[in-house]
Every structure is written in structure tokens, then in C-alpha cells.
Amino acid sequence: MIARLEKVWRAINPERLRSTFLNLLDIYSPSGKEEDIQLHLEELLSRAGCRVERQEVEQDRYNLRVTMGSAEPRLYLVGHVDTVPAWDLDDFGPQQDGGIIRGLGSADMKGGCAAMVEAWLALTEALKPDERPSVGLLLVVGEEENGDGSAEFLRSCSPDWVVIGEPTGLTAKCAHYGYLEAGFVTRGLRSHSSLPELGHNAVESMLRVLLFLGSDPLFDRATSDIVYSIREMRSSQAGFVVPDRCETWIDLHLPPAHDPIALQSEIRRIVAGFDRSIPGLDLEVSFDFASAGYSLGSDNILMQVLRDVYPRIGLTLEMDAFRSHSDGNLFFAAGVKPLILGPGYLETAHTPDERVDFEEVTAAARIYAALCLGAH
């Protein structure tokens, strides 16, 4: 493997990689509007002689599935091409500051996608067809919304492993937090805003619910290992009135061993007594999405490759659990083992200061190429 790997690494072209990365950042591709970026990637990969297949998700939305080698791939590199919506449509594209590249999706995860594409091009250039590993590259849509791109792939394919290029700072994430989305609705009585005593304010009820819930020891940030985040709150808007409805969504990220279904029961138990402290409380609780976490351990073929490769490129291999939600949960639930590893950090993802160090993107391309050669 070492001789082939060195040959592929020599074929990795940092300037081509930079150009690919900047071009991806220059194409606006929020969830649901990924066609332009998929057309660009399809043309890029096809021009290089790669076997590219469209995998339709819905009209004008499709994954790109690329394969090499003679056998069914046991390993896929997986990148999602969609982003969250732009903070500013006039200023979403790439900005370079030395080795730092900023822009919407730079960390989550167009840096990872660019590195995967470059690894694929280097494998194609450096190796003859009969030398190429039987691996796949999957560029999916819809990860930032509901994972419909990966779900479509899993209807027809079930590889042993996937490597997902979410931003981890090149830390290997063989474990993954679970996720639970909790929805709360309070109802009240509408009245004219100048006569609040005649109504019942649903927002005031919701604020009290959130105060009591957030102060429960289960969600104490100093002692609990559950990540509790109020994501969104909105009320009925009908002019100059006391609101009669308020909705709140809470994101809960759970350590791998914590069962999201058990947490639902705990939350229902906690809120059951709130009506004794909140006069006139009318509360509805729902759980629209739950996904269990997982832990794959560190004794597996991908970690063996990483233990050999990281010293060769001057990096220290670190392992941790991925704290956010990703398509990794979806793959694991379908019986596929996901390793999460990519350039950039979650700390800046989904923010106006999203950024990635280009040296990490280049290192990621080398790592992905090594994984393709060592684990096919």
C-alpha cells in the first residue's frame, strides 16, 4: 500500500484543490437548491474520466454517486453539498486571508467535499484502472434539512463503511452523539393588548415553562452531559393583542450511550407538574425527531489506517465523539459504520465567521486517499 499511497499523494495538486474549493464556495447551494453545485461537480468529475451516476432524490435534486474499481465498494467517502441559508446573499462567497478561507459552507462542509474530490482525482490520475481500489464517492443533498439525500442512497446501497467529511479539525470521530428535537406549544386566551388581564398570555406561560425546564438538574450545563439548546420560539401574530399561542423548539444532543426515547419520558415527567406553578397552563409536548447515538470503538480497519498515516503527515491522531447531529446517525441506523472526519470546526459552522484553514483541507485530501487505499 505504501508505494501506491506515495504515488497518489504526489498526484494531489494543492492549486487544483484550492480552485475546486473556491468554486464550490462561489456557488450558492442551500438545502433544496443544490442543482447548480451538482452540475458543476458532475462536469468536473466526468471531465476527469470518472464514472458519475445521478441518483434522483426528487425533481431537479439528485445525489452524485461515483465509483472506481471492479467490485462493489465497501467504503464510500460522503460529503453533503448543501448549506444553511446565507446570512447575506451579497456576501456568501469565498474570502481568503492568508491560509484561512472564509465563506458559507467552508467548514460545513465544502472544505471536506473539495478534499474528497481532490483525493478522487489523484487516485484516478496516479493509478491504472486495475490498480484502483473498489471505493465510492457520494455527494449528497439535503443534509442540513432532513437527510433525504443519504436516505435515498441507503435505499439501494449498504457499504460496510462511510467516511463523512463533517468539520472535526481532523479529529477522528468514531462515536456520535444522539439527537432529540422537542416541540412545546402553550395556548392562552387572546385579548386586546391594552387589557391583558382579560386574556391569558401564551408567551408568558412559555417563558415560565422554559425557566423551570432549563433549571432542572437534567439540563444543568455545569453537571449534565446533555446539550440543551433553545433553537426557536414564535408566537401568534394578530396585531395589537395578547398572544394566544406560542411555539418553541429545543435541540437536545445526547452522549452515545443515552437513549433519546428514555429522555422523552424524563421530559414528560418533568413538565407534568408545571401546572401547579404556572396558573392556567395549557401545554402540549411533542418529539418530532429522535436519533440514537453510537460508538464504534477504536479497534477497526479505518483507525488502523489513520494510526499509520497521521505520523507520516506530521499530525497527532486524536479521537472523540461528534457532538452535533449529522447523516452519520442515519447511516448507523441502517447498519453502516460511519467515521466522521473533516477539516474545519463546528465552532464556526452556521455562523457569519465560518472558516477553514486550507492546510487542513490539503491534509484531509491525503487522509481520504489513504483511507480509500487501506480500507477498500
Protein backbone atom coordinates (compact mmCIF):
# COMPACT_ATOMS: atom_id res chain seq x y z
CA MET A 1 0.00 0.00 0.00
CA ILE A 2 2.82 2.44 0.90
CA ALA A 3 4.22 2.71 -2.64
CA ARG A 4 0.76 3.28 -4.12
CA LEU A 5 -0.08 5.81 -1.41
CA GLU A 6 3.07 7.85 -2.05
CA LYS A 7 2.25 7.81 -5.76
CA VAL A 8 -1.29 9.09 -5.09
CA TRP A 9 -0.08 11.71 -2.63
CA ARG A 10 2.28 13.07 -5.28
CA ALA A 11 -0.73 13.45 -7.58
CA ILE A 12 -2.62 15.62 -5.09
CA ASN A 13 -2.49 19.13 -6.53
CA PRO A 14 -2.94 21.90 -3.91
CA GLU A 15 -3.65 24.57 -6.53
CA ARG A 16 -6.31 22.45 -8.20
CA LEU A 17 -7.74 21.70 -4.76
CA ARG A 18 -7.84 25.40 -3.89
CA SER A 19 -9.57 26.19 -7.17
CA THR A 20 -12.16 23.45 -6.60
CA PHE A 21 -12.79 24.67 -3.06
CA LEU A 22 -13.21 28.32 -4.06
CA ASN A 23 -15.53 27.38 -6.93
CA LEU A 24 -17.73 25.36 -4.57
CA LEU A 25 -17.93 28.30 -2.16
CA ASP A 26 -18.86 30.60 -5.03
CA ILE A 27 -21.97 28.51 -5.83
CA TYR A 28 -24.92 29.17 -3.55
CA SER A 29 -26.38 25.79 -2.58
CA PRO A 30 -28.79 25.90 0.37
CA SER A 31 -30.82 22.77 1.07
CA GLY A 32 -33.37 22.28 -1.70
CA LYS A 33 -31.38 24.33 -4.25
CA GLU A 34 -28.36 22.14 -4.89
CA GLU A 35 -28.66 21.62 -8.66
CA ASP A 36 -26.07 24.25 -9.69
CA ILE A 37 -23.34 22.82 -7.49
CA GLN A 38 -24.14 19.24 -8.53
CA LEU A 39 -23.95 20.22 -12.21
CA HIS A 40 -20.54 21.78 -11.56
CA LEU A 41 -19.23 18.71 -9.71
CA GLU A 42 -20.68 16.32 -12.27
CA GLU A 43 -18.90 18.16 -15.09
CA LEU A 44 -15.62 18.31 -13.13
CA LEU A 45 -15.59 14.60 -12.33
CA SER A 46 -16.85 13.46 -15.74
CA ARG A 47 -14.18 15.52 -17.49
CA ALA A 48 -11.58 13.63 -15.45
CA GLY A 49 -12.93 10.32 -16.75
CA CYS A 50 -14.77 9.29 -13.59
CA ARG A 51 -17.92 7.12 -13.60
CA VAL A 52 -20.59 9.51 -12.35
CA GLU A 53 -24.18 8.44 -11.68
CA ARG A 54 -27.08 10.71 -10.79
CA GLN A 55 -29.24 9.37 -8.00
CA GLU A 56 -32.56 11.20 -8.09
CA VAL A 57 -33.96 12.39 -4.75
CA GLU A 58 -36.78 14.49 -6.18
CA GLN A 59 -37.30 16.60 -9.29
CA ASP A 60 -34.17 18.68 -10.03
CA ARG A 61 -32.46 17.29 -6.91
CA TYR A 62 -30.05 14.39 -7.02
CA ASN A 63 -27.00 12.88 -5.38
CA LEU A 64 -23.83 12.15 -7.34
CA ARG A 65 -22.50 8.61 -6.88
CA VAL A 66 -19.02 7.98 -8.24
CA THR A 67 -17.28 4.61 -8.13
CA MET A 68 -13.96 3.06 -9.15
CA GLY A 69 -12.53 -0.44 -9.10
CA SER A 70 -14.10 -3.71 -10.22
CA ALA A 71 -16.09 -4.72 -7.12
CA GLU A 72 -18.99 -3.22 -5.16
CA PRO A 73 -17.49 -0.54 -2.87
CA ARG A 74 -17.27 -1.42 0.82
CA LEU A 75 -16.21 2.15 1.63
CA TYR A 76 -17.69 5.47 0.49
CA LEU A 77 -16.41 8.98 1.05
CA VAL A 78 -19.55 11.03 1.79
CA GLY A 79 -19.91 14.79 1.53
CA HIS A 80 -23.03 16.94 1.61
CA VAL A 81 -23.07 19.82 -0.86
CA ASP A 82 -25.94 21.78 0.74
CA THR A 83 -25.56 24.57 3.28
CA VAL A 84 -27.79 26.52 5.62
CA PRO A 85 -29.25 29.69 4.02
CA ALA A 86 -26.89 32.64 3.58
CA TRP A 87 -26.70 35.34 6.22
CA ASP A 88 -26.17 37.85 3.43
CA LEU A 89 -26.82 36.94 -0.21
CA ASP A 90 -24.39 39.66 -1.31
CA ASP A 91 -21.58 38.25 0.79
CA PHE A 92 -21.77 34.43 0.95
CA GLY A 93 -18.81 33.59 -1.30
CA PRO A 94 -15.15 32.90 -0.53
CA GLN A 95 -12.76 35.28 1.16
CA GLN A 96 -9.08 34.46 1.51
CA ASP A 97 -6.91 35.72 4.35
CA GLY A 98 -3.53 34.06 4.03
CA GLY A 99 -4.14 30.36 4.60
CA ILE A 100 -7.62 30.90 6.04
CA ILE A 101 -10.61 30.61 3.71
CA ARG A 102 -13.96 32.01 4.82
CA GLY A 103 -17.40 31.61 3.30
CA LEU A 104 -20.77 29.96 3.71
CA GLY A 105 -20.22 26.21 3.96
CA SER A 106 -16.42 26.47 4.09
CA ALA A 107 -16.29 24.21 7.16
CA ASP A 108 -19.72 22.57 6.87
CA MET A 109 -18.75 21.01 4.57
CA LYS A 110 -17.47 22.28 1.25
CA GLY A 111 -13.88 22.01 2.50
CA GLY A 112 -14.47 18.31 3.12
CA CYS A 113 -16.18 17.90 -0.26
CA ALA A 114 -13.31 19.60 -2.10
CA ALA A 115 -10.77 17.38 -0.30
CA MET A 116 -12.72 14.25 -1.23
CA VAL A 117 -12.93 15.29 -4.87
CA GLU A 118 -9.19 16.02 -4.95
CA ALA A 119 -8.41 12.62 -3.39
CA TRP A 120 -10.60 11.03 -6.05
CA LEU A 121 -8.89 12.89 -8.90
CA ALA A 122 -5.46 11.93 -7.54
CA LEU A 123 -6.43 8.25 -7.29
CA THR A 124 -7.75 8.37 -10.86
CA GLU A 125 -4.62 10.06 -12.22
CA ALA A 126 -1.98 8.13 -10.31
CA LEU A 127 -3.29 4.57 -10.62
CA LYS A 128 -4.07 2.43 -13.61
CA PRO A 129 -7.65 1.10 -13.74
CA ASP A 130 -6.65 -2.34 -12.45
CA GLU A 131 -4.72 -0.75 -9.55
CA ARG A 132 -7.60 1.36 -8.29
CA PRO A 133 -9.40 0.35 -5.11
CA SER A 134 -13.10 -0.54 -5.20
CA VAL A 135 -14.40 2.52 -3.36
CA GLY A 136 -17.11 5.12 -3.81
CA LEU A 137 -17.58 8.87 -3.59
CA LEU A 138 -21.05 10.10 -2.63
CA LEU A 139 -22.01 13.78 -2.85
CA VAL A 140 -25.44 14.15 -1.26
CA VAL A 141 -28.12 16.80 -1.00
CA GLY A 142 -30.37 17.71 1.91
CA GLU A 143 -28.20 17.02 4.94
CA GLU A 144 -28.96 20.37 6.56
CA GLU A 145 -32.70 19.69 6.42
CA ASN A 146 -33.76 16.05 6.75
CA GLY A 147 -31.01 13.89 5.28
CA ASP A 148 -33.12 12.92 2.26
CA GLY A 149 -30.06 12.54 0.01
CA SER A 150 -28.39 9.96 2.24
CA ALA A 151 -31.74 8.25 2.86
CA GLU A 152 -32.16 7.81 -0.90
CA PHE A 153 -28.66 6.34 -1.23
CA LEU A 154 -29.37 3.84 1.55
CA ARG A 155 -32.43 2.51 -0.27
CA SER A 156 -30.15 0.82 -2.80
CA CYS A 157 -26.66 0.71 -1.27
CA SER A 158 -25.29 -0.60 2.01
CA PRO A 159 -21.49 -0.36 2.23
CA ASP A 160 -19.58 -1.52 5.28
CA TRP A 161 -18.11 1.93 6.00
CA VAL A 162 -18.58 5.59 5.15
CA VAL A 163 -16.24 8.47 5.92
CA ILE A 164 -18.24 11.68 6.34
CA GLY A 165 -16.31 14.93 5.98
CA GLU A 166 -18.09 16.99 8.65
CA PRO A 167 -15.84 19.56 10.39
CA THR A 168 -13.86 17.84 13.15
CA GLY A 169 -10.48 19.62 12.91
CA LEU A 170 -9.26 16.26 11.51
CA THR A 171 -10.04 14.57 14.81
CA ALA A 172 -11.36 11.05 14.18
CA LYS A 173 -14.92 10.71 15.47
CA CYS A 174 -15.76 7.01 15.86
CA ALA A 175 -18.52 7.90 18.31
CA HIS A 176 -21.51 10.16 17.72
CA TYR A 177 -23.99 11.96 19.94
CA GLY A 178 -27.67 11.18 19.59
CA TYR A 179 -30.26 13.87 18.90
CA LEU A 180 -33.75 14.70 20.06
CA GLU A 181 -35.94 17.56 18.84
CA ALA A 182 -38.55 18.63 21.38
CA GLY A 183 -41.51 20.85 20.48
CA PHE A 184 -43.52 22.80 23.06
CA VAL A 185 -46.81 24.63 22.48
CA THR A 186 -48.56 26.80 25.07
CA ARG A 187 -52.08 28.08 24.48
CA GLY A 188 -53.78 31.05 26.07
CA LEU A 189 -56.68 33.44 25.56
CA ARG A 190 -56.48 36.35 23.13
CA SER A 191 -57.43 39.82 24.34
CA HIS A 192 -56.68 43.40 23.37
CA SER A 193 -53.10 44.29 24.24
CA SER A 194 -54.26 47.18 26.44
CA LEU A 195 -56.38 44.77 28.51
CA PRO A 196 -54.04 41.86 29.27
CA GLU A 197 -55.97 40.98 32.42
CA LEU A 198 -58.85 39.79 30.20
CA GLY A 199 -56.68 37.27 28.36
CA HIS A 200 -54.05 34.67 29.07
CA ASN A 201 -50.62 35.30 27.56
CA ALA A 202 -49.22 32.15 25.93
CA VAL A 203 -45.74 33.70 25.68
CA GLU A 204 -45.61 34.35 29.42
CA SER A 205 -46.62 30.73 30.04
CA MET A 206 -43.90 29.51 27.65
CA LEU A 207 -41.23 31.63 29.33
CA ARG A 208 -42.12 30.10 32.68
CA VAL A 209 -42.06 26.59 31.18
CA LEU A 210 -38.60 27.20 29.74
CA LEU A 211 -37.34 28.70 33.02
CA PHE A 212 -38.46 25.67 35.01
CA LEU A 213 -37.26 23.18 32.40
CA GLY A 214 -33.86 24.77 31.97
CA SER A 215 -33.28 24.85 35.72
CA ASP A 216 -33.86 21.11 36.11
CA PRO A 217 -30.65 19.24 37.04
CA LEU A 218 -31.05 17.12 33.90
CA PHE A 219 -30.04 20.17 31.83
CA ASP A 220 -27.58 21.87 34.17
CA ARG A 221 -24.66 22.78 31.87
CA ALA A 222 -22.18 22.54 34.74
CA THR A 223 -23.03 18.94 35.62
CA SER A 224 -25.13 17.34 32.87
CA ASP A 225 -23.71 15.69 29.75
CA ILE A 226 -26.86 16.52 27.76
CA VAL A 227 -26.51 19.51 25.43
CA TYR A 228 -29.68 21.64 25.77
CA SER A 229 -30.26 24.46 23.28
CA ILE A 230 -33.40 26.53 22.69
CA ARG A 231 -33.40 26.88 18.92
CA GLU A 232 -36.51 28.84 18.04
CA MET A 233 -39.57 30.47 19.58
CA ARG A 234 -42.51 32.20 17.93
CA SER A 235 -46.00 33.33 18.90
CA SER A 236 -49.27 34.01 17.13
CA GLN A 237 -49.17 37.37 15.35
CA ALA A 238 -52.54 39.05 15.08
CA GLY A 239 -51.83 42.69 15.70
CA PHE A 240 -52.22 44.54 18.97
CA VAL A 241 -53.29 41.56 21.08
CA VAL A 242 -52.22 39.26 23.88
CA PRO A 243 -50.88 36.16 22.03
CA ASP A 244 -52.94 33.00 22.44
CA ARG A 245 -50.32 30.57 21.14
CA CYS A 246 -46.54 30.18 21.49
CA GLU A 247 -44.29 27.51 19.99
CA THR A 248 -40.72 26.61 20.97
CA TRP A 249 -38.25 24.08 19.58
CA ILE A 250 -35.41 22.72 21.65
CA ASP A 251 -32.39 20.78 20.36
CA LEU A 252 -31.02 18.08 22.66
CA HIS A 253 -27.72 16.37 21.85
CA LEU A 254 -27.09 13.23 23.87
CA PRO A 255 -23.90 11.27 24.61
CA PRO A 256 -23.71 7.99 22.66
CA ALA A 257 -24.99 5.80 25.49
CA HIS A 258 -28.02 7.98 26.31
CA ASP A 259 -31.31 6.72 24.87
CA PRO A 260 -33.37 9.54 23.26
CA ILE A 261 -36.61 7.64 23.87
CA ALA A 262 -35.83 7.43 27.59
CA LEU A 263 -35.14 11.18 27.58
CA GLN A 264 -38.59 11.82 26.11
CA SER A 265 -40.12 10.09 29.14
CA GLU A 266 -37.94 12.11 31.51
CA ILE A 267 -39.03 15.39 29.91
CA ARG A 268 -42.70 14.44 30.08
CA ARG A 269 -42.24 13.60 33.76
CA ILE A 270 -40.56 16.94 34.46
CA VAL A 271 -43.21 19.09 32.77
CA ALA A 272 -46.14 17.12 34.21
CA GLY A 273 -46.03 19.13 37.42
CA PHE A 274 -45.59 22.57 35.87
CA ASP A 275 -49.33 23.35 36.05
CA ARG A 276 -49.02 23.55 39.83
CA SER A 277 -46.66 26.52 39.47
CA ILE A 278 -47.91 28.15 36.24
CA PRO A 279 -51.55 29.32 36.53
CA GLY A 280 -53.79 28.36 33.62
CA LEU A 281 -51.05 26.39 31.84
CA ASP A 282 -52.17 24.64 28.64
CA LEU A 283 -49.05 22.83 27.39
CA GLU A 284 -48.50 20.34 24.58
CA VAL A 285 -45.19 18.49 24.20
CA SER A 286 -44.13 16.58 21.09
CA PHE A 287 -40.96 14.93 19.84
CA ASP A 288 -40.75 15.19 16.06
CA PHE A 289 -37.32 13.65 15.55
CA ALA A 290 -35.14 11.27 17.56
CA SER A 291 -31.89 9.62 16.59
CA ALA A 292 -29.73 7.40 18.76
CA GLY A 293 -26.01 7.92 19.10
CA TYR A 294 -23.36 5.24 18.66
CA SER A 295 -19.80 4.23 19.48
CA LEU A 296 -17.74 2.10 17.09
CA GLY A 297 -14.67 1.85 19.31
CA SER A 298 -11.13 2.36 18.06
CA ASP A 299 -10.21 -1.19 17.06
CA ASN A 300 -11.22 -1.23 13.41
CA ILE A 301 -9.67 -1.09 9.95
CA LEU A 302 -10.10 2.67 9.44
CA MET A 303 -8.42 3.53 12.72
CA GLN A 304 -5.55 1.20 11.81
CA VAL A 305 -5.02 3.21 8.62
CA LEU A 306 -5.20 6.52 10.48
CA ARG A 307 -2.68 5.39 13.11
CA ASP A 308 -0.20 4.73 10.32
CA VAL A 309 -0.98 7.80 8.19
CA TYR A 310 -1.14 10.64 10.72
CA PRO A 311 2.55 10.48 11.75
CA ARG A 312 3.51 10.41 8.08
CA ILE A 313 1.85 13.80 7.51
CA GLY A 314 3.01 15.32 10.80
CA LEU A 315 -0.30 15.09 12.67
CA THR A 316 -1.25 13.65 16.03
CA LEU A 317 -4.24 11.34 15.85
CA GLU A 318 -6.96 12.30 18.31
CA MET A 319 -10.33 10.63 18.85
CA ASP A 320 -13.57 11.98 20.26
CA ALA A 321 -17.35 11.83 19.88
CA PHE A 322 -19.07 14.03 17.29
CA ARG A 323 -21.32 16.33 19.29
CA SER A 324 -23.73 17.53 16.61
CA HIS A 325 -26.34 15.73 14.50
CA SER A 326 -25.30 14.50 11.05
CA ASP A 327 -26.11 11.90 8.43
CA GLY A 328 -23.82 9.64 10.45
CA ASN A 329 -26.78 8.77 12.69
CA LEU A 330 -28.79 7.83 9.59
CA PHE A 331 -26.05 5.59 8.21
CA PHE A 332 -25.50 3.85 11.55
CA ALA A 333 -29.23 3.16 11.93
CA ALA A 334 -29.10 1.48 8.50
CA GLY A 335 -26.25 -0.83 9.56
CA VAL A 336 -23.38 1.16 8.02
CA LYS A 337 -20.37 2.14 10.17
CA PRO A 338 -19.66 5.90 9.88
CA LEU A 339 -16.37 7.64 10.66
CA ILE A 340 -16.76 11.42 10.92
CA LEU A 341 -13.57 13.27 9.90
CA GLY A 342 -13.03 16.52 8.06
CA PRO A 343 -11.36 19.94 8.01
CA GLY A 344 -12.71 22.93 9.95
CA TYR A 345 -14.53 23.18 13.26
CA LEU A 346 -18.16 23.11 14.37
CA GLU A 347 -17.49 26.25 16.43
CA THR A 348 -17.69 28.46 13.32
CA ALA A 349 -20.14 26.39 11.23
CA HIS A 350 -23.52 28.08 10.61
CA THR A 351 -22.09 31.45 11.66
CA PRO A 352 -21.08 34.55 9.64
CA ASP A 353 -17.44 33.80 10.58
CA GLU A 354 -17.39 30.28 9.11
CA ARG A 355 -13.84 29.45 8.05
CA VAL A 356 -11.29 26.70 7.49
CA ASP A 357 -7.51 26.51 7.31
CA PHE A 358 -6.55 25.45 3.78
CA GLU A 359 -3.68 23.33 5.15
CA GLU A 360 -6.34 21.20 6.87
CA VAL A 361 -8.20 20.80 3.58
CA THR A 362 -4.99 19.61 1.89
CA ALA A 363 -4.23 17.22 4.75
CA ALA A 364 -7.80 15.89 4.53
CA ALA A 365 -7.29 15.02 0.85
CA ARG A 366 -4.23 12.97 1.78
CA ILE A 367 -6.10 11.23 4.60
CA TYR A 368 -9.08 10.40 2.41
CA ALA A 369 -6.82 8.94 -0.28
CA ALA A 370 -5.09 6.78 2.34
CA LEU A 371 -8.40 5.52 3.69
CA CYS A 372 -9.53 4.57 0.18
CA LEU A 373 -6.36 2.58 -0.40
CA GLY A 374 -6.16 0.98 3.04
CA ALA A 375 -9.78 0.05 3.72
CA HIS A 376 -11.32 -0.90 0.36
